Protein backbone atom coordinates (compact mmCIF):
# COMPACT_ATOMS: atom_id res chain seq x y z
CA UNK A 1 138.89 -58.07 -6.21
CA UNK A 2 141.93 -58.13 -4.00
CA UNK A 3 140.20 -55.97 -1.40
CA UNK A 4 140.62 -56.89 2.23
CA UNK A 5 137.62 -58.86 3.55
CA UNK A 6 136.05 -58.98 0.08
CA UNK A 7 135.08 -62.65 0.39
CA UNK A 8 133.40 -61.97 3.76
CA UNK A 9 131.43 -59.08 2.27
CA UNK A 10 130.52 -61.29 -0.68
CA UNK A 11 129.12 -63.98 1.64
CA UNK A 12 127.23 -61.40 3.70
CA UNK A 13 125.58 -60.01 0.56
CA UNK A 14 124.67 -63.52 -0.63
CA UNK A 15 123.17 -64.43 2.74
CA UNK A 16 121.23 -61.17 2.75
CA UNK A 17 119.87 -61.91 -0.71
CA UNK A 18 118.83 -65.43 0.33
CA UNK A 19 117.10 -64.08 3.45
CA UNK A 20 115.34 -61.47 1.33
CA UNK A 21 114.00 -64.13 -1.04
CA UNK A 22 112.95 -66.44 1.77
CA UNK A 23 111.11 -63.71 3.66
CA UNK A 24 109.52 -61.82 0.75
CA UNK A 25 108.36 -64.68 -1.49
CA UNK A 26 105.62 -65.98 0.86
CA UNK A 27 104.08 -62.50 1.12
CA UNK A 28 104.04 -62.06 -2.66
CA UNK A 29 102.77 -65.61 -3.20
CA UNK A 30 99.95 -65.08 -0.71
CA UNK A 31 98.61 -62.06 -2.59
CA UNK A 32 99.05 -63.85 -5.93
CA UNK A 33 97.13 -66.89 -4.65
CA UNK A 34 94.31 -64.73 -3.30
CA UNK A 35 94.04 -62.80 -6.57
CA UNK A 36 94.02 -65.92 -8.74
CA UNK A 37 91.45 -67.49 -6.42
CA UNK A 38 89.21 -64.44 -6.75
CA UNK A 39 89.52 -64.45 -10.54
CA UNK A 40 89.00 -68.19 -11.09
CA UNK A 41 86.59 -69.11 -8.30
CA UNK A 42 84.28 -66.13 -8.11
CA UNK A 43 81.34 -66.73 -5.80
CA UNK A 44 82.89 -69.69 -4.00
CA UNK A 45 83.73 -69.68 -0.26
CA UNK A 46 86.94 -67.97 0.88
CA UNK A 47 90.22 -69.73 0.31
CA UNK A 48 90.80 -70.08 4.06
CA UNK A 49 87.76 -72.40 4.29
CA UNK A 50 88.85 -74.74 1.48
CA UNK A 51 92.19 -76.35 2.30
CA UNK A 52 92.05 -78.62 -0.75
CA UNK A 53 91.59 -75.69 -3.16
CA UNK A 54 94.26 -73.69 -1.33
CA UNK A 55 96.78 -76.54 -1.58
CA UNK A 56 95.94 -77.22 -5.23
CA UNK A 57 96.23 -73.56 -6.18
CA UNK A 58 99.53 -73.28 -4.30
CA UNK A 59 100.99 -76.32 -6.06
CA UNK A 60 99.89 -75.11 -9.50
CA UNK A 61 101.24 -71.60 -8.95
CA UNK A 62 104.56 -72.85 -7.58
CA UNK A 63 104.91 -75.22 -10.53
CA UNK A 64 104.23 -72.41 -13.00
CA UNK A 65 106.69 -70.13 -11.22
CA UNK A 66 109.35 -72.84 -11.22
CA UNK A 67 108.83 -73.68 -14.90
CA UNK A 68 108.90 -69.99 -15.80
CA UNK A 69 112.07 -69.39 -13.81
CA UNK A 70 113.87 -72.31 -15.42
CA UNK A 71 112.76 -71.38 -18.95
CA UNK A 72 114.10 -67.81 -18.80
CA UNK A 73 117.72 -68.08 -19.98
CA UNK A 74 118.94 -64.83 -18.49
CA UNK A 75 117.86 -62.84 -15.44
CA UNK A 76 118.10 -59.63 -17.45
CA UNK A 77 115.15 -60.78 -19.56
CA UNK A 78 112.99 -60.83 -16.44
CA UNK A 79 114.37 -57.45 -15.32
CA UNK A 80 113.58 -55.91 -18.72
CA UNK A 81 110.03 -57.25 -18.66
CA UNK A 82 109.47 -56.04 -15.10
CA UNK A 83 110.93 -52.62 -15.88
CA UNK A 84 108.87 -52.24 -19.04
CA UNK A 85 105.58 -53.15 -17.37
CA UNK A 86 106.19 -51.03 -14.29
CA UNK A 87 107.26 -48.03 -16.40
CA UNK A 88 104.06 -48.19 -18.45
CA UNK A 89 101.98 -48.58 -15.29
CA UNK A 90 103.63 -45.65 -13.56
CA UNK A 91 103.69 -43.44 -16.62
CA UNK A 92 100.28 -44.01 -18.17
CA UNK A 93 97.93 -46.25 -16.19
CA UNK A 94 98.22 -44.94 -12.63
CA UNK A 95 97.96 -41.23 -13.49
CA UNK A 96 94.80 -41.94 -15.49
CA UNK A 97 93.26 -43.76 -12.56
């Protein structure tokens, strides 16, 4: 851009984005894993008691997330899908609840 310190600001923003992904993804993945466990293994003991099921579910979910992220050709496709689903939820589903 020709702005003074623009490369430093660029690196700071990139590092901030990396830190955001590293710190937020485990929290989101935890709730996803618990929800999928509740849906698929209803009536079984909690996930914290079954390390084998927890590891298997984590591996499967991470593999699906990785395959999905590599199959989407453009990040804007994911943004459009997220925006469309959240707009419908906020506009129609949540007020009805």
